[in-house]
Amino acid sequence: MKIILSLLVLFLLAAIIFFCYRKFRSFRLKRQQRRYEIVVTEALQDSLGKVSVAGFNGKKVALDQIAVAQVAKAWGLNVVVFGYSFPVQELDKKQVRQVKEALSEQLKIFAQQHSLNSPEEPSSLVISDIWQRDLVLNVEVAYLINEQTKGYLRDVEKLDH
């Protein structure tokens, strides 16, 4: 009887330790995601103000109208990708592509200036997707800080082809 009771207590103790570990890890990942969101949002806001192509001027985008969503909620907390959406005038596909190219270049410059790049990556901030729907431009920015995010980007590129 003592053995069964001891095993039950041991099992209960192991379950509590496991639960606490998972909770702590989840809390740590969420806090880390928030820090990454601040960095990426700052990069997007700074870079957007420097983008001007035919039919689009990033300086005219009101920063308080930029909505942020964590793509990580759908893909897992280790994926560092954030979705931004903001109102714009009607853009055709060519203009959206031009915005993507100009914004990508500005994000690359921001990453270099703020020492965000790693030796393996020419730019650690990349646009993983961009599209316009109902006069709203949606931009997903990936911060290539870990293998999960790089894997996400490879998966998205496969879907695009």
Protein backbone atom coordinates (compact mmCIF):
# COMPACT_ATOMS: atom_id res chain seq x y z
CA MET A 1 0.00 0.00 0.00
CA LYS A 2 2.86 2.37 0.85
CA ILE A 3 4.45 1.68 -2.53
CA ILE A 4 1.25 2.51 -4.41
CA LEU A 5 0.79 5.69 -2.38
CA SER A 6 4.44 6.66 -2.94
CA LEU A 7 4.11 6.06 -6.70
CA LEU A 8 0.90 8.11 -6.78
CA VAL A 9 2.58 11.02 -4.96
CA LEU A 10 5.61 10.75 -7.25
CA PHE A 11 3.37 10.74 -10.33
CA LEU A 12 1.44 13.74 -9.02
CA LEU A 13 4.65 15.60 -8.28
CA ALA A 14 5.99 14.87 -11.78
CA ALA A 15 2.74 16.09 -13.34
CA ILE A 16 2.89 19.35 -11.34
CA ILE A 17 6.53 19.93 -12.34
CA PHE A 18 5.71 19.23 -15.99
CA PHE A 19 2.72 21.60 -15.91
CA CYS A 20 4.78 24.38 -14.27
CA TYR A 21 7.60 23.93 -16.81
CA ARG A 22 5.18 24.18 -19.77
CA LYS A 23 3.50 27.24 -18.28
CA PHE A 24 6.84 28.96 -17.66
CA ARG A 25 8.07 28.13 -21.18
CA SER A 26 4.86 29.45 -22.73
CA PHE A 27 5.10 32.65 -20.68
CA ARG A 28 8.74 33.12 -21.74
CA LEU A 29 7.91 32.59 -25.43
CA LYS A 30 5.03 35.07 -25.29
CA ARG A 31 7.24 37.67 -23.64
CA GLN A 32 9.92 37.08 -26.26
CA GLN A 33 7.32 37.39 -29.05
CA ARG A 34 6.26 40.76 -27.64
CA ARG A 35 9.88 42.01 -27.74
CA TYR A 36 10.23 40.84 -31.34
CA GLU A 37 6.93 42.52 -32.24
CA ILE A 38 8.25 45.84 -30.92
CA VAL A 39 11.43 45.55 -33.02
CA VAL A 40 9.63 44.51 -36.20
CA THR A 41 6.91 47.16 -35.79
CA GLU A 42 9.53 49.86 -35.30
CA ALA A 43 11.32 48.62 -38.43
CA LEU A 44 8.12 48.63 -40.48
CA GLN A 45 7.08 52.10 -39.33
CA ASP A 46 10.53 53.55 -40.01
CA SER A 47 10.84 51.84 -43.39
CA LEU A 48 7.30 52.62 -44.51
CA GLY A 49 7.93 56.34 -44.14
CA LYS A 50 10.77 56.06 -46.65
CA VAL A 51 8.77 54.27 -49.36
CA SER A 52 7.39 56.26 -52.24
CA VAL A 53 6.37 54.62 -55.51
CA ALA A 54 3.79 55.53 -58.13
CA GLY A 55 0.41 55.62 -56.39
CA PHE A 56 1.78 55.04 -52.89
CA ASN A 57 3.50 57.28 -50.38
CA GLY A 58 4.38 55.59 -47.09
CA LYS A 59 4.66 58.93 -45.30
CA LYS A 60 0.91 59.35 -45.71
CA VAL A 61 0.12 56.15 -43.81
CA ALA A 62 -1.09 57.12 -40.36
CA LEU A 63 0.85 55.05 -37.85
CA ASP A 64 -2.16 54.78 -35.56
CA GLN A 65 -4.09 53.08 -38.37
CA ILE A 66 -1.63 50.21 -38.70
CA ALA A 67 -3.14 47.05 -37.24
CA VAL A 68 -0.76 44.32 -36.03
CA ALA A 69 -1.47 40.59 -35.86
CA GLN A 70 0.81 37.76 -34.78
CA VAL A 71 1.07 35.16 -37.52
CA ALA A 72 2.70 33.03 -34.82
CA LYS A 73 -0.67 32.35 -33.25
CA ALA A 74 -1.52 30.16 -36.23
CA TRP A 75 1.96 28.73 -36.84
CA GLY A 76 3.34 28.42 -33.31
CA LEU A 77 5.05 30.77 -30.89
CA ASN A 78 8.54 30.12 -32.26
CA VAL A 79 7.64 31.63 -35.66
CA VAL A 80 8.52 35.34 -35.64
CA VAL A 81 6.21 36.78 -38.31
CA PHE A 82 3.87 39.71 -37.86
CA GLY A 83 1.06 40.85 -40.12
CA TYR A 84 0.38 44.55 -40.62
CA SER A 85 -2.60 46.06 -42.35
CA PHE A 86 -3.41 49.66 -43.13
CA PRO A 87 -5.72 51.58 -45.46
CA VAL A 88 -4.39 52.67 -48.85
CA GLN A 89 -5.84 53.81 -52.14
CA GLU A 90 -6.45 51.24 -54.88
CA LEU A 91 -3.17 49.70 -56.08
CA ASP A 92 -2.71 47.38 -59.02
CA LYS A 93 -0.48 44.28 -58.86
CA LYS A 94 2.49 46.12 -60.34
CA GLN A 95 2.23 48.86 -57.69
CA VAL A 96 1.95 46.29 -54.89
CA ARG A 97 5.08 44.58 -56.24
CA GLN A 98 6.88 47.96 -56.34
CA VAL A 99 5.83 48.70 -52.75
CA LYS A 100 7.14 45.26 -51.73
CA GLU A 101 10.50 45.85 -53.43
CA ALA A 102 10.95 49.35 -51.97
CA LEU A 103 9.81 48.30 -48.50
CA SER A 104 12.07 45.23 -48.60
CA GLU A 105 15.04 47.44 -49.39
CA GLN A 106 14.21 49.82 -46.54
CA LEU A 107 13.77 46.91 -44.10
CA LYS A 108 17.17 45.60 -45.18
CA ILE A 109 18.74 49.01 -44.50
CA PHE A 110 17.00 49.22 -41.10
CA ALA A 111 18.28 45.75 -40.16
CA GLN A 112 21.83 46.71 -41.12
CA GLN A 113 21.70 50.01 -39.23
CA HIS A 114 20.38 48.33 -36.09
CA SER A 115 22.68 45.27 -36.28
CA LEU A 116 19.80 42.82 -36.62
CA ASN A 117 21.40 40.74 -39.37
CA SER A 118 23.23 37.49 -38.80
CA PRO A 119 26.25 36.41 -40.89
CA GLU A 120 24.12 33.81 -42.72
CA GLU A 121 21.34 36.21 -43.73
CA PRO A 122 21.73 39.23 -46.01
CA SER A 123 18.67 40.69 -44.29
CA SER A 124 16.96 39.38 -41.21
CA LEU A 125 13.75 41.34 -41.93
CA VAL A 126 11.92 40.12 -45.02
CA ILE A 127 8.44 40.49 -46.41
CA SER A 128 6.95 37.01 -46.48
CA ASP A 129 3.69 38.10 -48.12
CA ILE A 130 1.95 41.24 -49.32
CA TRP A 131 -1.51 41.75 -50.81
CA GLN A 132 -4.28 44.30 -51.08
CA ARG A 133 -7.96 43.66 -50.44
CA ASP A 134 -10.77 46.19 -50.00
CA LEU A 135 -8.40 49.21 -49.98
CA VAL A 136 -6.30 47.65 -47.20
CA LEU A 137 -2.68 46.71 -47.78
CA ASN A 138 -1.59 43.63 -45.83
CA VAL A 139 2.11 43.07 -45.23
CA GLU A 140 3.65 40.13 -43.38
CA VAL A 141 7.16 40.75 -42.10
CA ALA A 142 9.34 37.85 -40.94
CA TYR A 143 12.22 38.34 -38.52
CA LEU A 144 14.63 35.52 -39.43
CA ILE A 145 15.90 35.00 -35.91
CA ASN A 146 15.42 31.23 -35.64
CA GLU A 147 15.08 28.05 -37.70
CA GLN A 148 11.30 27.83 -37.22
CA THR A 149 10.83 31.23 -38.87
CA LYS A 150 13.19 30.31 -41.71
CA GLY A 151 11.21 27.08 -42.19
CA TYR A 152 7.96 29.05 -42.26
CA LEU A 153 9.41 31.31 -44.96
CA ARG A 154 10.50 28.28 -47.04
CA ASP A 155 6.97 26.82 -46.73
CA VAL A 156 5.37 30.10 -47.84
CA GLU A 157 7.75 30.31 -50.83
CA LYS A 158 6.78 26.74 -51.83
CA LEU A 159 3.10 27.72 -51.72
CA ASP A 160 3.75 30.74 -53.94
CA HIS A 161 5.30 28.56 -56.67
